[in-house]
C-alpha cells in the first residue's frame, strides 16, 4: 500500500520538533552564558583606589598604604626596577623565603597576614645580594603595584 498524505506529514513532525528543541537549547545557553559572565564581571568590581609611599635604605624596601581602599593581596603583583632595570627575581606576593630575598617580608606581603592591605599598614622586604641589580645607595628604585591586570601605583625613590 502506497504511503498516504497523512503518514508523510507525520514523518516531518519529529524532525521539525528536534530542530526547534536544539535551537531553543542553543539560544537558552547563549542567554544564560551572557548573564553569567556579565554577573562575574560585575562581581569583580572596579580596581581599588589607594595611595602609597615608598622608601628604600640599604637592602630594605618599605611601602606604606597611606589611604584608600583595602587591597586584596592575592591578585597583587609587585614589579621592582633599579635604575630602569628589572630585578632578576621579583617578589612573589605573598611570599616567605623566596629566591633573591632575605627571609620573609613584613606586613601584608607575608603569607601569615590576613590577605588584605589596609590604610596605615606597612609592607617591606629585603633584596638579597644574589639578586641583580643591587640596591646601591643613590640608585633610582621604582616599584609598580599591579592589581590583576591594572597598575594601581607606580612609585619612585632614591635608595639611601
N, C-alpha and C. Protein backbone atom coordinates (compact mmCIF):
# COMPACT_ATOMS: atom_id res chain seq x y z
N UNK A 1 0.84 -1.16 0.00
CA UNK A 1 0.00 0.00 0.00
C UNK A 1 0.89 1.23 0.00
N UNK A 2 0.59 2.13 -0.92
CA UNK A 2 1.42 3.34 -1.02
C UNK A 2 1.16 4.27 0.16
N UNK A 3 2.19 5.08 0.55
CA UNK A 3 2.01 5.98 1.69
C UNK A 3 0.94 7.01 1.41
N UNK A 4 0.20 7.32 2.44
CA UNK A 4 -0.83 8.34 2.31
C UNK A 4 -0.27 9.68 2.70
N UNK A 5 -0.98 10.71 2.39
CA UNK A 5 -0.52 12.07 2.68
C UNK A 5 -0.35 12.30 4.18
N UNK A 6 -1.21 11.74 4.99
CA UNK A 6 -1.13 11.94 6.44
C UNK A 6 0.10 11.28 7.05
N UNK A 7 0.54 10.10 6.54
CA UNK A 7 1.71 9.45 7.11
C UNK A 7 2.98 10.20 6.72
N UNK A 8 3.03 10.85 5.56
CA UNK A 8 4.18 11.65 5.15
C UNK A 8 4.31 12.88 6.04
N UNK A 9 3.21 13.51 6.38
CA UNK A 9 3.23 14.69 7.25
C UNK A 9 3.71 14.32 8.64
N UNK A 10 3.34 13.17 9.12
CA UNK A 10 3.74 12.75 10.45
C UNK A 10 5.25 12.51 10.52
N UNK A 11 5.90 12.07 9.47
CA UNK A 11 7.34 11.83 9.45
C UNK A 11 8.14 13.11 9.60
N UNK A 12 7.61 14.22 9.19
CA UNK A 12 8.31 15.50 9.27
C UNK A 12 8.18 16.14 10.65
N UNK A 13 7.15 15.86 11.37
CA UNK A 13 6.93 16.48 12.69
C UNK A 13 8.08 16.22 13.66
N UNK A 14 8.58 15.00 13.80
CA UNK A 14 9.70 14.77 14.72
C UNK A 14 10.97 15.54 14.31
N UNK A 15 11.21 15.66 13.00
CA UNK A 15 12.38 16.40 12.52
C UNK A 15 12.26 17.87 12.90
N UNK A 16 11.12 18.48 12.63
CA UNK A 16 10.92 19.89 12.99
C UNK A 16 10.99 20.09 14.50
N UNK A 17 10.43 19.17 15.25
CA UNK A 17 10.46 19.28 16.71
C UNK A 17 11.89 19.19 17.23
N UNK A 18 12.69 18.30 16.66
CA UNK A 18 14.09 18.16 17.07
C UNK A 18 14.88 19.43 16.76
N UNK A 19 14.72 19.97 15.55
CA UNK A 19 15.41 21.20 15.16
C UNK A 19 14.98 22.35 16.06
N UNK A 20 13.71 22.45 16.33
CA UNK A 20 13.21 23.52 17.21
C UNK A 20 13.76 23.37 18.62
N UNK A 21 13.81 22.18 19.16
CA UNK A 21 14.32 21.94 20.51
C UNK A 21 15.82 22.27 20.59
N UNK A 22 16.58 21.85 19.59
CA UNK A 22 18.02 22.17 19.57
C UNK A 22 18.21 23.68 19.49
N UNK A 23 17.46 24.35 18.65
CA UNK A 23 17.55 25.81 18.52
C UNK A 23 17.24 26.52 19.82
N UNK A 24 16.19 26.11 20.51
CA UNK A 24 15.84 26.72 21.79
C UNK A 24 16.92 26.47 22.84
N UNK A 25 17.53 25.28 22.82
CA UNK A 25 18.61 24.97 23.76
C UNK A 25 19.81 25.87 23.52
N UNK A 26 20.18 26.06 22.27
CA UNK A 26 21.32 26.93 21.93
C UNK A 26 21.05 28.38 22.35
N UNK A 27 19.87 28.87 22.04
CA UNK A 27 19.52 30.24 22.42
C UNK A 27 19.51 30.39 23.94
N UNK A 28 18.94 29.42 24.65
CA UNK A 28 18.90 29.46 26.12
C UNK A 28 20.30 29.45 26.71
N UNK A 29 21.18 28.61 26.18
CA UNK A 29 22.56 28.55 26.67
C UNK A 29 23.28 29.87 26.42
N UNK A 30 23.05 30.48 25.27
CA UNK A 30 23.68 31.76 24.96
C UNK A 30 23.22 32.85 25.92
N UNK A 31 21.93 32.90 26.19
CA UNK A 31 21.39 33.90 27.13
C UNK A 31 21.94 33.66 28.53
N UNK A 32 21.94 32.41 28.99
CA UNK A 32 22.46 32.09 30.31
C UNK A 32 23.94 32.44 30.42
N UNK A 33 24.72 32.09 29.40
CA UNK A 33 26.16 32.39 29.41
C UNK A 33 26.43 33.88 29.47
N UNK A 34 25.68 34.65 28.70
CA UNK A 34 25.85 36.10 28.71
C UNK A 34 25.53 36.67 30.09
N UNK A 35 24.45 36.22 30.68
CA UNK A 35 24.09 36.71 32.01
C UNK A 35 25.11 36.28 33.07
N UNK A 36 25.56 35.04 33.00
CA UNK A 36 26.51 34.53 34.00
C UNK A 36 27.83 35.27 33.90
N UNK A 37 28.37 35.43 32.69
CA UNK A 37 29.64 36.13 32.54
C UNK A 37 29.50 37.61 32.85
N UNK A 38 28.37 38.19 32.54
CA UNK A 38 28.13 39.59 32.89
C UNK A 38 28.12 39.78 34.40
N UNK A 39 27.51 38.84 35.12
CA UNK A 39 27.49 38.92 36.58
C UNK A 39 28.87 38.72 37.16
N UNK A 40 29.65 37.81 36.58
CA UNK A 40 31.01 37.58 37.08
C UNK A 40 31.85 38.85 36.92
N UNK A 41 31.71 39.53 35.80
CA UNK A 41 32.45 40.77 35.59
C UNK A 41 31.99 41.84 36.58
N UNK A 42 30.69 41.87 36.86
CA UNK A 42 30.19 42.86 37.81
C UNK A 42 30.68 42.57 39.23
N UNK A 43 30.88 41.29 39.57
CA UNK A 43 31.35 40.95 40.91
C UNK A 43 32.80 41.36 41.12
N UNK A 44 33.60 41.38 40.03
CA UNK A 44 34.99 41.80 40.15
C UNK A 44 35.07 43.25 40.62
N UNK A 45 34.15 44.06 40.16
CA UNK A 45 34.10 45.45 40.57
C UNK A 45 35.25 46.27 40.04
N UNK A 46 35.25 47.55 40.38
CA UNK A 46 36.32 48.42 39.89
C UNK A 46 37.64 48.13 40.61
N UNK A 47 38.72 48.54 39.98
CA UNK A 47 40.03 48.38 40.61
C UNK A 47 40.10 49.25 41.86
N UNK A 48 40.84 48.78 42.87
CA UNK A 48 40.94 49.55 44.11
C UNK A 48 41.65 50.88 43.89
N UNK A 49 41.25 51.87 44.66
CA UNK A 49 41.85 53.20 44.61
C UNK A 49 42.55 53.44 45.95
N UNK A 50 43.85 53.69 45.90
CA UNK A 50 44.61 53.91 47.13
C UNK A 50 45.88 54.68 46.80
N UNK A 51 46.49 55.24 47.82
CA UNK A 51 47.78 55.91 47.62
C UNK A 51 48.81 55.28 48.54
N UNK A 52 50.05 55.29 48.08
CA UNK A 52 51.14 54.61 48.76
C UNK A 52 52.36 55.51 48.81
N UNK A 53 53.28 55.18 49.72
CA UNK A 53 54.59 55.83 49.73
C UNK A 53 55.65 54.74 49.69
N UNK A 54 56.84 55.12 49.22
CA UNK A 54 57.94 54.18 49.04
C UNK A 54 59.21 54.76 49.61
N UNK A 55 59.99 53.92 50.30
CA UNK A 55 61.33 54.31 50.75
C UNK A 55 62.22 53.09 50.67
N UNK A 56 63.54 53.33 50.55
CA UNK A 56 64.50 52.23 50.50
C UNK A 56 65.78 52.67 51.17
N UNK A 57 66.29 51.80 51.99
CA UNK A 57 67.53 52.06 52.69
C UNK A 57 68.30 50.75 52.78
N UNK A 58 69.53 50.74 52.28
CA UNK A 58 70.30 49.51 52.26
C UNK A 58 69.60 48.50 51.37
N UNK A 59 69.31 47.32 51.92
CA UNK A 59 68.65 46.29 51.12
C UNK A 59 67.14 46.22 51.38
N UNK A 60 66.60 47.13 52.19
CA UNK A 60 65.18 47.08 52.59
C UNK A 60 64.34 48.06 51.77
N UNK A 61 63.23 47.53 51.25
CA UNK A 61 62.24 48.32 50.51
C UNK A 61 60.99 48.37 51.38
N UNK A 62 60.48 49.59 51.63
CA UNK A 62 59.33 49.78 52.51
C UNK A 62 58.22 50.51 51.74
N UNK A 63 57.03 49.91 51.74
CA UNK A 63 55.85 50.51 51.12
C UNK A 63 54.80 50.73 52.19
N UNK A 64 54.20 51.90 52.20
CA UNK A 64 53.15 52.23 53.16
C UNK A 64 51.86 52.52 52.40
N UNK A 65 50.78 51.86 52.79
CA UNK A 65 49.45 52.13 52.24
C UNK A 65 48.95 53.36 53.00
N UNK A 66 49.01 54.52 52.36
CA UNK A 66 48.69 55.79 53.02
C UNK A 66 47.19 55.94 53.30
N UNK A 67 46.37 55.78 52.27
CA UNK A 67 44.91 55.82 52.45
C UNK A 67 44.22 55.29 51.21
N UNK A 68 42.93 54.98 51.35
CA UNK A 68 42.15 54.47 50.24
C UNK A 68 41.60 53.08 50.53
N UNK A 69 41.20 52.42 49.45
CA UNK A 69 40.59 51.09 49.55
C UNK A 69 41.57 50.05 50.09
N UNK A 70 41.03 49.05 50.76
CA UNK A 70 41.84 47.89 51.14
C UNK A 70 42.21 47.15 49.86
N UNK A 71 43.42 46.63 49.81
CA UNK A 71 43.91 45.95 48.62
C UNK A 71 44.01 44.44 48.92
N UNK A 72 43.32 43.63 48.14
CA UNK A 72 43.44 42.18 48.28
C UNK A 72 44.83 41.78 47.79
N UNK A 73 45.58 41.08 48.61
CA UNK A 73 46.96 40.74 48.29
C UNK A 73 47.04 39.62 47.25
N UNK A 74 46.06 38.73 47.20
CA UNK A 74 46.09 37.61 46.25
C UNK A 74 46.34 38.02 44.81
N UNK A 75 45.57 38.98 44.26
CA UNK A 75 45.78 39.37 42.87
C UNK A 75 46.86 40.44 42.68
N UNK A 76 47.59 40.78 43.75
CA UNK A 76 48.60 41.85 43.69
C UNK A 76 49.94 41.32 43.20
N UNK A 77 50.54 42.05 42.25
CA UNK A 77 51.91 41.76 41.81
C UNK A 77 52.74 43.00 42.06
N UNK A 78 54.01 42.80 42.39
CA UNK A 78 54.93 43.89 42.63
C UNK A 78 56.07 43.75 41.63
N UNK A 79 56.32 44.82 40.86
CA UNK A 79 57.41 44.82 39.89
C UNK A 79 58.43 45.85 40.36
N UNK A 80 59.67 45.40 40.58
CA UNK A 80 60.73 46.26 41.10
C UNK A 80 61.77 46.48 40.01
N UNK A 81 62.12 47.76 39.77
CA UNK A 81 63.21 48.09 38.84
C UNK A 81 64.19 49.01 39.56
N UNK A 82 65.46 48.83 39.23
CA UNK A 82 66.52 49.67 39.80
C UNK A 82 67.25 50.31 38.63
N UNK A 83 67.25 51.64 38.62
CA UNK A 83 67.84 52.40 37.51
C UNK A 83 67.30 51.91 36.17
N UNK A 84 66.00 51.61 36.12
CA UNK A 84 65.33 51.20 34.88
C UNK A 84 65.47 49.73 34.53
N UNK A 85 66.22 48.96 35.30
CA UNK A 85 66.42 47.54 35.03
C UNK A 85 65.64 46.70 36.04
N UNK A 86 64.79 45.78 35.56
CA UNK A 86 64.00 44.97 36.50
C UNK A 86 64.89 44.01 37.29
N UNK A 87 64.49 43.78 38.54
CA UNK A 87 65.17 42.77 39.35
C UNK A 87 65.10 41.42 38.65
N UNK A 88 66.16 40.66 38.76
CA UNK A 88 66.17 39.32 38.16
C UNK A 88 65.08 38.46 38.78
N UNK A 89 64.95 38.53 40.11
CA UNK A 89 63.92 37.79 40.84
C UNK A 89 62.96 38.79 41.46
N UNK A 90 61.71 38.81 40.99
CA UNK A 90 60.70 39.73 41.50
C UNK A 90 60.05 39.10 42.74
N UNK A 91 59.57 39.95 43.67
CA UNK A 91 58.93 39.39 44.87
C UNK A 91 57.58 38.76 44.53
N UNK A 92 57.41 37.46 44.81
CA UNK A 92 56.13 36.79 44.55
C UNK A 92 55.17 37.01 45.72
N UNK A 93 54.30 37.97 45.62
CA UNK A 93 53.43 38.38 46.72
C UNK A 93 52.25 37.43 46.86
N UNK A 94 51.88 36.97 48.04
CA UNK A 94 52.66 36.96 49.27
C UNK A 94 53.76 35.89 49.18
N UNK A 95 54.81 36.04 50.00
CA UNK A 95 55.89 35.07 49.96
C UNK A 95 56.59 34.96 51.31
N UNK A 96 57.37 33.91 51.40
CA UNK A 96 58.27 33.72 52.53
C UNK A 96 59.47 32.95 52.02
N UNK A 97 60.67 33.47 52.25
CA UNK A 97 61.91 32.83 51.85
C UNK A 97 61.97 32.57 50.35
N UNK A 98 61.73 33.59 49.53
CA UNK A 98 61.78 33.46 48.08
C UNK A 98 63.19 33.71 47.56
N UNK A 99 63.51 33.14 46.42
CA UNK A 99 64.80 33.34 45.77
C UNK A 99 65.01 34.82 45.50
N UNK A 100 66.18 35.33 45.90
CA UNK A 100 66.53 36.72 45.66
C UNK A 100 66.15 37.67 46.78
N UNK A 101 65.63 37.12 47.90
CA UNK A 101 65.20 37.96 49.01
C UNK A 101 65.66 37.35 50.33
N UNK A 102 65.94 38.23 51.30
CA UNK A 102 66.33 37.79 52.64
C UNK A 102 65.07 37.50 53.45
N UNK A 103 64.96 36.28 53.97
CA UNK A 103 63.85 35.94 54.86
C UNK A 103 62.50 36.23 54.26
N UNK A 104 61.56 36.48 55.16
CA UNK A 104 60.21 36.79 54.73
C UNK A 104 59.93 38.27 54.83
N UNK A 105 58.97 38.75 54.06
CA UNK A 105 58.60 40.15 54.13
C UNK A 105 57.76 40.43 55.38
N UNK A 106 57.55 41.69 55.67
CA UNK A 106 56.70 42.04 56.80
C UNK A 106 55.34 42.52 56.29
N UNK A 107 54.38 42.51 57.17
CA UNK A 107 53.05 43.04 56.86
C UNK A 107 52.28 42.17 55.88
N UNK A 108 51.47 42.80 55.03
CA UNK A 108 50.56 42.05 54.16
C UNK A 108 51.26 41.24 53.07
N UNK A 109 52.56 41.45 52.82
CA UNK A 109 53.27 40.65 51.83
C UNK A 109 53.65 39.28 52.38
N UNK A 110 53.50 39.09 53.68
CA UNK A 110 53.81 37.82 54.33
C UNK A 110 52.57 36.94 54.29
N UNK A 111 52.70 35.66 53.93
CA UNK A 111 51.50 34.81 53.82
C UNK A 111 50.77 34.58 55.14
N UNK A 112 51.41 34.87 56.27
CA UNK A 112 50.71 34.69 57.55
C UNK A 112 49.79 35.87 57.87
N UNK A 113 49.82 36.92 57.06
CA UNK A 113 48.95 38.08 57.27
C UNK A 113 47.53 37.71 56.83
N UNK A 114 46.59 38.64 57.01
CA UNK A 114 45.17 38.35 56.74
C UNK A 114 44.76 38.41 55.27
N UNK A 115 45.67 38.75 54.36
CA UNK A 115 45.35 38.77 52.93
C UNK A 115 44.83 40.09 52.40
N UNK A 116 44.74 41.11 53.25
CA UNK A 116 44.30 42.43 52.81
C UNK A 116 45.28 43.48 53.31
N UNK A 117 45.56 44.44 52.46
CA UNK A 117 46.47 45.54 52.80
C UNK A 117 45.62 46.78 52.99
N UNK A 118 45.51 47.23 54.23
CA UNK A 118 44.63 48.35 54.55
C UNK A 118 45.42 49.61 54.85
N UNK A 119 44.72 50.73 54.80
CA UNK A 119 45.35 52.04 55.05
C UNK A 119 46.07 52.03 56.39
N UNK A 120 47.29 52.56 56.38
CA UNK A 120 48.10 52.63 57.59
C UNK A 120 49.07 51.47 57.74
N UNK A 121 48.89 50.40 56.97
CA UNK A 121 49.77 49.23 57.08
C UNK A 121 51.03 49.41 56.24
N UNK A 122 52.13 48.87 56.77
CA UNK A 122 53.43 48.91 56.10
C UNK A 122 53.81 47.51 55.64
N UNK A 123 54.30 47.42 54.42
CA UNK A 123 54.82 46.16 53.89
C UNK A 123 56.28 46.41 53.52
N UNK A 124 57.14 45.45 53.85
CA UNK A 124 58.54 45.62 53.48
C UNK A 124 59.15 44.27 53.12
N UNK A 125 60.24 44.34 52.34
CA UNK A 125 61.00 43.15 52.01
C UNK A 125 62.45 43.56 51.82
N UNK A 126 63.35 42.58 51.92
CA UNK A 126 64.78 42.84 51.80
C UNK A 126 65.31 42.10 50.58
N UNK A 127 65.99 42.84 49.70
CA UNK A 127 66.55 42.27 48.48
C UNK A 127 67.92 41.66 48.82
N UNK A 128 68.12 40.40 48.46
CA UNK A 128 69.38 39.71 48.75
C UNK A 128 70.47 40.15 47.78
N UNK A 129 71.71 39.98 48.20
CA UNK A 129 72.85 40.32 47.36
C UNK A 129 72.97 39.44 46.13
N UNK A 130 72.26 38.31 46.11
CA UNK A 130 72.26 37.42 44.96
C UNK A 130 71.31 37.87 43.86
N UNK A 131 70.47 38.86 44.15
CA UNK A 131 69.53 39.39 43.18
C UNK A 131 70.20 40.56 42.45
N UNK A 132 69.98 40.70 41.17
CA UNK A 132 70.58 41.80 40.42
C UNK A 132 69.49 42.58 39.70
N UNK A 133 69.69 43.88 39.51
CA UNK A 133 70.79 44.71 40.00
C UNK A 133 70.67 44.95 41.51
N UNK A 134 71.73 45.48 42.08
CA UNK A 134 71.79 45.71 43.52
C UNK A 134 71.09 47.02 43.90
N UNK A 135 70.64 47.08 45.15
CA UNK A 135 70.05 48.30 45.71
C UNK A 135 71.18 49.15 46.28
N UNK A 136 71.97 49.75 45.40
CA UNK A 136 73.10 50.59 45.84
C UNK A 136 72.61 51.97 46.23
N UNK A 137 73.28 52.55 47.19
CA UNK A 137 72.94 53.91 47.63
C UNK A 137 72.99 54.86 46.43
N UNK A 138 71.96 55.67 46.29
CA UNK A 138 71.87 56.63 45.19
C UNK A 138 71.13 56.10 43.97
N UNK A 139 70.87 54.80 43.89
CA UNK A 139 70.16 54.22 42.75
C UNK A 139 68.69 54.66 42.77
N UNK A 140 68.10 54.73 41.59
CA UNK A 140 66.68 55.07 41.48
C UNK A 140 65.87 53.77 41.52
N UNK A 141 65.02 53.66 42.52
CA UNK A 141 64.18 52.48 42.72
C UNK A 141 62.75 52.82 42.29
N UNK A 142 62.17 51.96 41.45
CA UNK A 142 60.77 52.11 41.06
C UNK A 142 60.04 50.82 41.41
N UNK A 143 58.89 50.97 42.05
CA UNK A 143 58.04 49.83 42.40
C UNK A 143 56.67 50.08 41.79
N UNK A 144 56.24 49.15 40.95
CA UNK A 144 54.90 49.19 40.37
C UNK A 144 54.03 48.19 41.11
N UNK A 145 52.86 48.63 41.54
CA UNK A 145 51.87 47.76 42.18
C UNK A 145 50.80 47.46 41.14
N UNK A 146 50.62 46.18 40.82
CA UNK A 146 49.70 45.77 39.77
C UNK A 146 48.65 44.87 40.41
N UNK A 147 47.41 45.28 40.31
CA UNK A 147 46.29 44.52 40.89
C UNK A 147 45.52 43.89 39.74
N UNK A 148 45.63 42.56 39.63
CA UNK A 148 45.03 41.88 38.48
C UNK A 148 45.81 42.26 37.23
N UNK A 149 45.19 42.99 36.34
CA UNK A 149 45.86 43.45 35.12
C UNK A 149 46.06 44.97 35.11
N UNK A 150 45.73 45.64 36.21
CA UNK A 150 45.78 47.10 36.25
C UNK A 150 46.85 47.59 37.20
N UNK A 151 47.68 48.50 36.72
CA UNK A 151 48.67 49.14 37.59
C UNK A 151 47.94 50.16 38.46
N UNK A 152 48.01 49.96 39.78
CA UNK A 152 47.32 50.87 40.68
C UNK A 152 48.26 51.92 41.27
N UNK A 153 49.58 51.68 41.15
CA UNK A 153 50.54 52.68 41.62
C UNK A 153 51.90 52.42 40.97
N UNK A 154 52.61 53.51 40.72
CA UNK A 154 54.00 53.45 40.27
C UNK A 154 54.75 54.45 41.13
N UNK A 155 55.64 53.94 41.97
CA UNK A 155 56.33 54.76 42.96
C UNK A 155 57.83 54.75 42.68
N UNK A 156 58.47 55.90 42.85
CA UNK A 156 59.92 56.00 42.60
C UNK A 156 60.55 56.74 43.77
N UNK A 157 61.73 56.27 44.16
CA UNK A 157 62.51 56.91 45.22
C UNK A 157 64.00 56.67 44.96
N UNK A 158 64.80 57.37 45.69
CA UNK A 158 66.24 57.15 45.62
C UNK A 158 66.66 56.32 46.82
N UNK A 159 67.47 55.28 46.58
CA UNK A 159 67.93 54.41 47.66
C UNK A 159 68.89 55.18 48.54
N UNK A 160 68.67 55.10 49.85
CA UNK A 160 69.59 55.76 50.81
C UNK A 160 70.61 54.78 51.32
